[in-house]
Amino acid sequence: MQSDRSDSSGPITKRVNSLPSDSDTRGKHRIQAELKRLEQEARLLEEELELLDKMENATAVCKEMLSNVDTRPDPLLPV
């Protein structure tokens, strides 16, 4: 007959418990390094967004350039 109770000391539990403690510190360091990288990337993106907020609209610049080009005759076209 089979027993209905579960054995908590199965092969998976033994494998997890037998991991060396060094892997815990390396994993922790790896996670901290990834977190630091993500924080730096977020900070750079925030700075870029601030610069974009301060920039003049591209349409205004294009309109200004078109008005300057339209008022000057093309030197290569005959008059």
N, C-alpha and C. Protein backbone atom coordinates (compact mmCIF):
# COMPACT_ATOMS: atom_id res chain seq x y z
N MET A 1 0.81 -1.19 0.00
CA MET A 1 0.00 0.00 0.00
C MET A 1 0.86 1.25 0.00
N GLN A 2 0.31 2.31 -0.65
CA GLN A 2 1.04 3.56 -0.70
C GLN A 2 0.57 4.49 0.40
N SER A 3 1.47 5.25 0.88
CA SER A 3 1.15 6.22 1.93
C SER A 3 0.76 7.55 1.29
N ASP A 4 -0.23 8.24 1.85
CA ASP A 4 -0.69 9.53 1.32
C ASP A 4 0.14 10.70 1.83
N ARG A 5 0.98 10.48 2.78
CA ARG A 5 1.75 11.59 3.32
C ARG A 5 2.90 11.95 2.37
N SER A 6 3.23 13.24 2.31
CA SER A 6 4.31 13.68 1.44
C SER A 6 5.61 13.71 2.22
N ASP A 7 6.66 13.32 1.57
CA ASP A 7 7.97 13.29 2.21
C ASP A 7 8.70 14.59 1.89
N SER A 8 8.95 15.42 2.89
CA SER A 8 9.57 16.73 2.66
C SER A 8 11.07 16.63 2.44
N SER A 9 11.63 15.47 2.61
CA SER A 9 13.07 15.34 2.40
C SER A 9 13.35 14.65 1.07
N GLY A 10 12.62 15.06 0.05
CA GLY A 10 12.79 14.49 -1.29
C GLY A 10 14.08 14.97 -1.92
N PRO A 11 14.38 14.51 -3.14
CA PRO A 11 15.64 14.86 -3.80
C PRO A 11 15.77 16.36 -4.09
N ILE A 12 14.67 17.03 -4.37
CA ILE A 12 14.74 18.47 -4.68
C ILE A 12 15.12 19.25 -3.43
N THR A 13 14.50 18.93 -2.31
CA THR A 13 14.81 19.64 -1.06
C THR A 13 16.26 19.41 -0.66
N LYS A 14 16.73 18.20 -0.82
CA LYS A 14 18.13 17.91 -0.47
C LYS A 14 19.08 18.70 -1.37
N ARG A 15 18.73 18.81 -2.66
CA ARG A 15 19.60 19.53 -3.60
C ARG A 15 19.66 21.02 -3.24
N VAL A 16 18.53 21.61 -2.89
CA VAL A 16 18.49 23.04 -2.55
C VAL A 16 19.24 23.29 -1.26
N ASN A 17 19.07 22.42 -0.28
CA ASN A 17 19.75 22.61 1.00
C ASN A 17 21.25 22.38 0.90
N SER A 18 21.71 21.66 -0.12
CA SER A 18 23.13 21.37 -0.21
C SER A 18 23.91 22.40 -1.02
N LEU A 19 23.24 23.49 -1.46
CA LEU A 19 23.95 24.53 -2.22
C LEU A 19 24.94 25.24 -1.31
N PRO A 20 26.12 25.57 -1.82
CA PRO A 20 27.09 26.28 -0.99
C PRO A 20 26.63 27.70 -0.72
N SER A 21 27.06 28.24 0.40
CA SER A 21 26.65 29.60 0.77
C SER A 21 27.31 30.66 -0.11
N ASP A 22 28.40 30.30 -0.81
CA ASP A 22 29.05 31.24 -1.71
C ASP A 22 28.12 31.66 -2.84
N SER A 23 27.30 30.75 -3.33
CA SER A 23 26.39 31.09 -4.42
C SER A 23 25.38 32.13 -3.99
N ASP A 24 25.02 32.14 -2.70
CA ASP A 24 24.10 33.14 -2.19
C ASP A 24 24.70 34.54 -2.29
N THR A 25 25.96 34.69 -1.91
CA THR A 25 26.58 36.01 -1.96
C THR A 25 26.84 36.45 -3.39
N ARG A 26 27.20 35.51 -4.27
CA ARG A 26 27.41 35.88 -5.68
C ARG A 26 26.10 36.29 -6.32
N GLY A 27 25.02 35.57 -6.00
CA GLY A 27 23.71 35.93 -6.54
C GLY A 27 23.26 37.28 -6.04
N LYS A 28 23.52 37.53 -4.77
CA LYS A 28 23.15 38.82 -4.17
C LYS A 28 23.93 39.95 -4.83
N HIS A 29 25.21 39.73 -5.06
CA HIS A 29 26.04 40.74 -5.71
C HIS A 29 25.57 41.00 -7.13
N ARG A 30 25.22 39.94 -7.84
CA ARG A 30 24.75 40.07 -9.22
C ARG A 30 23.45 40.86 -9.27
N ILE A 31 22.55 40.60 -8.33
CA ILE A 31 21.29 41.34 -8.28
C ILE A 31 21.54 42.81 -7.95
N GLN A 32 22.44 43.08 -7.01
CA GLN A 32 22.75 44.47 -6.66
C GLN A 32 23.38 45.21 -7.83
N ALA A 33 24.25 44.53 -8.58
CA ALA A 33 24.87 45.17 -9.75
C ALA A 33 23.83 45.47 -10.81
N GLU A 34 22.90 44.55 -11.04
CA GLU A 34 21.83 44.78 -12.02
C GLU A 34 20.93 45.93 -11.58
N LEU A 35 20.62 45.98 -10.29
CA LEU A 35 19.80 47.06 -9.76
C LEU A 35 20.49 48.40 -9.93
N LYS A 36 21.78 48.44 -9.66
CA LYS A 36 22.55 49.68 -9.82
C LYS A 36 22.56 50.13 -11.28
N ARG A 37 22.70 49.17 -12.20
CA ARG A 37 22.70 49.50 -13.62
C ARG A 37 21.34 50.06 -14.05
N LEU A 38 20.26 49.45 -13.56
CA LEU A 38 18.92 49.92 -13.89
C LEU A 38 18.66 51.31 -13.32
N GLU A 39 19.13 51.57 -12.10
CA GLU A 39 18.97 52.90 -11.51
C GLU A 39 19.73 53.95 -12.31
N GLN A 40 20.92 53.60 -12.78
CA GLN A 40 21.71 54.53 -13.58
C GLN A 40 21.01 54.81 -14.91
N GLU A 41 20.47 53.76 -15.53
CA GLU A 41 19.76 53.94 -16.80
C GLU A 41 18.52 54.81 -16.61
N ALA A 42 17.80 54.61 -15.50
CA ALA A 42 16.62 55.43 -15.22
C ALA A 42 17.02 56.89 -15.01
N ARG A 43 18.13 57.11 -14.32
CA ARG A 43 18.61 58.48 -14.08
C ARG A 43 18.98 59.15 -15.41
N LEU A 44 19.65 58.42 -16.30
CA LEU A 44 20.01 58.99 -17.59
C LEU A 44 18.77 59.31 -18.43
N LEU A 45 17.77 58.44 -18.38
CA LEU A 45 16.54 58.70 -19.12
C LEU A 45 15.80 59.91 -18.57
N GLU A 46 15.82 60.09 -17.25
CA GLU A 46 15.19 61.27 -16.64
C GLU A 46 15.90 62.54 -17.09
N GLU A 47 17.22 62.51 -17.14
CA GLU A 47 17.98 63.68 -17.61
C GLU A 47 17.65 63.99 -19.06
N GLU A 48 17.53 62.95 -19.88
CA GLU A 48 17.20 63.15 -21.29
C GLU A 48 15.80 63.74 -21.45
N LEU A 49 14.86 63.27 -20.64
CA LEU A 49 13.51 63.83 -20.69
C LEU A 49 13.50 65.30 -20.28
N GLU A 50 14.30 65.66 -19.29
CA GLU A 50 14.39 67.06 -18.88
C GLU A 50 14.94 67.92 -20.01
N LEU A 51 15.95 67.41 -20.72
CA LEU A 51 16.50 68.15 -21.86
C LEU A 51 15.46 68.31 -22.96
N LEU A 52 14.69 67.27 -23.21
CA LEU A 52 13.66 67.35 -24.24
C LEU A 52 12.57 68.35 -23.87
N ASP A 53 12.25 68.45 -22.57
CA ASP A 53 11.25 69.42 -22.14
C ASP A 53 11.74 70.85 -22.36
N LYS A 54 13.04 71.06 -22.24
CA LYS A 54 13.61 72.40 -22.40
C LYS A 54 13.81 72.79 -23.86
N MET A 55 13.81 71.80 -24.76
CA MET A 55 14.05 72.09 -26.17
C MET A 55 12.84 72.77 -26.81
N GLU A 56 13.14 73.52 -27.84
CA GLU A 56 12.10 74.17 -28.61
C GLU A 56 11.43 73.12 -29.49
N ASN A 57 10.17 73.35 -29.78
CA ASN A 57 9.45 72.40 -30.64
C ASN A 57 10.09 72.34 -32.03
N ALA A 58 10.16 71.16 -32.58
CA ALA A 58 10.76 70.97 -33.90
C ALA A 58 9.97 71.69 -34.98
N THR A 59 8.65 71.75 -34.85
CA THR A 59 7.85 72.41 -35.88
C THR A 59 8.17 73.90 -35.94
N ALA A 60 8.41 74.53 -34.80
CA ALA A 60 8.74 75.96 -34.79
C ALA A 60 10.07 76.18 -35.49
N VAL A 61 11.03 75.32 -35.25
CA VAL A 61 12.34 75.45 -35.89
C VAL A 61 12.22 75.22 -37.39
N CYS A 62 11.43 74.25 -37.79
CA CYS A 62 11.25 73.97 -39.23
C CYS A 62 10.57 75.15 -39.93
N LYS A 63 9.56 75.72 -39.29
CA LYS A 63 8.88 76.87 -39.89
C LYS A 63 9.84 78.04 -40.06
N GLU A 64 10.69 78.27 -39.06
CA GLU A 64 11.67 79.35 -39.14
C GLU A 64 12.65 79.10 -40.28
N MET A 65 13.12 77.88 -40.42
CA MET A 65 14.06 77.56 -41.49
C MET A 65 13.39 77.72 -42.86
N LEU A 66 12.16 77.28 -42.99
CA LEU A 66 11.44 77.43 -44.27
C LEU A 66 11.25 78.90 -44.64
N SER A 67 10.95 79.73 -43.65
CA SER A 67 10.77 81.16 -43.96
C SER A 67 12.09 81.78 -44.40
N ASN A 68 13.22 81.34 -43.81
CA ASN A 68 14.52 81.85 -44.23
C ASN A 68 14.88 81.38 -45.63
N VAL A 69 14.57 80.14 -45.95
CA VAL A 69 14.89 79.59 -47.27
C VAL A 69 14.01 80.22 -48.35
N ASP A 70 12.74 80.43 -48.02
CA ASP A 70 11.81 81.01 -49.01
C ASP A 70 12.14 82.44 -49.36
N THR A 71 12.71 83.20 -48.44
CA THR A 71 12.97 84.61 -48.71
C THR A 71 14.26 84.83 -49.51
N ARG A 72 15.13 83.84 -49.57
CA ARG A 72 16.38 83.97 -50.33
C ARG A 72 16.26 83.27 -51.67
N PRO A 73 16.65 83.93 -52.72
CA PRO A 73 16.59 83.28 -54.04
C PRO A 73 17.67 82.19 -54.18
N ASP A 74 17.38 81.18 -54.94
CA ASP A 74 18.32 80.11 -55.18
C ASP A 74 19.37 80.58 -56.17
N PRO A 75 20.65 80.56 -55.81
CA PRO A 75 21.68 81.09 -56.71
C PRO A 75 21.89 80.23 -57.96
N LEU A 76 21.41 79.01 -57.95
CA LEU A 76 21.60 78.12 -59.11
C LEU A 76 20.48 78.25 -60.13
N LEU A 77 19.36 78.86 -59.74
CA LEU A 77 18.26 79.02 -60.69
C LEU A 77 18.39 80.35 -61.43
N PRO A 78 18.07 80.35 -62.72
CA PRO A 78 18.12 81.63 -63.45
C PRO A 78 17.02 82.56 -62.98
N VAL A 79 17.34 83.85 -62.98
CA VAL A 79 16.39 84.85 -62.51
C VAL A 79 15.51 85.31 -63.62
